[in-house]
Amino acid sequence: MAPPIRYSRPQTVAPNRARHAGAASIAAVIGIAFVGWATAATPSSTLVNIDVSPAESLTIRSTGGAHEIVPPRVIHQAGLEIPTTNGVPLDKVYPSLRGWIHPVSAADERVPELRSRRFGSERRGIERAECGAGHCGVDLHGPRGRPIVAVAAGTVVRVEHSELGADGRSGRYVRIEHDDGTLTAYMHLDVVADGLRVGDRVDAAQYVGTLGATAVFSAPPHLHFSLEIPDRAGSRGDHTETEYVDPAPFLARSRIAPAPERSLKPAF
């Protein structure tokens, strides 16, 4: 039997804050219908040691098909080192961790700036050694109703439709197993994509739901996003023994997809 995988998390690095100003105008041509949703004014973002470079073309995929949109910027955020396992960076062991699409479309920040929203911050009632004081993911803020997308290709292994979730704290959510065995979860969704079911194949940047506040009682609407790696090499499936890993280093290197244009129902 293969030994359990253990990873090393880098020490927390105090960021050198830099004000990032200016953003390329992005026109999205997409056919996902989001009724009554509009984009609020976008504030300037605070990023860490940014390096801007051209991006490849990116597609946001709806359950009804793909719609090409203009390429977004690629912003690499330093100061968040990739964790390692046996001295090897995790993104070398798990290829899906390279080239993520940020789960929050048109996100204003790649990683949480507030300490209380970061991995390992205090959460009562959760006891996982790898999660520090209890927070086994990151909270990514945005307007309620903002489209949420898959960070990488994979297979849906769990869909929760109840408002509170089975545990009373996760709300509506989707869990995806990626091709290398890593798993990501997208929690507190207001809406899960129509027709999305366990066993469905999803592509990177495919719409899975909308940012919301289900089972959120004392915080603004947000996406709780988590990353897990299997305890043992080759383990697969929704019930695989896993360890949570801070997704921030991979989010910091992700590409952000523009949000769809607002869609309205016909008046007739």
Foldseek 3Di string as FASTA:
>chain_A
DFAFWDKAFDDQFDFDKDWDDDADDWAFDDDDAQAPDAADDADTAIAGPWDKDFDDWDWAAEPVGIDTTGGGIFIAGPRGDAMGTPPHGVCVLPVLLPAWEQFFAPANDLADPDPCQFFQHADPPADDVLRNNHQLFGWGDDDWFGWTWGRAKFFWQDFAAALQGPVNAFGTKTKTQHPQGKIKMKTQFPFARPPRDGGDIDGRNYTGGTFHHRNNDPDHTTIGMWMWHARGGPDHHPPGHTDTDYSSNSSSRYHHHHTHHHDHDDPD
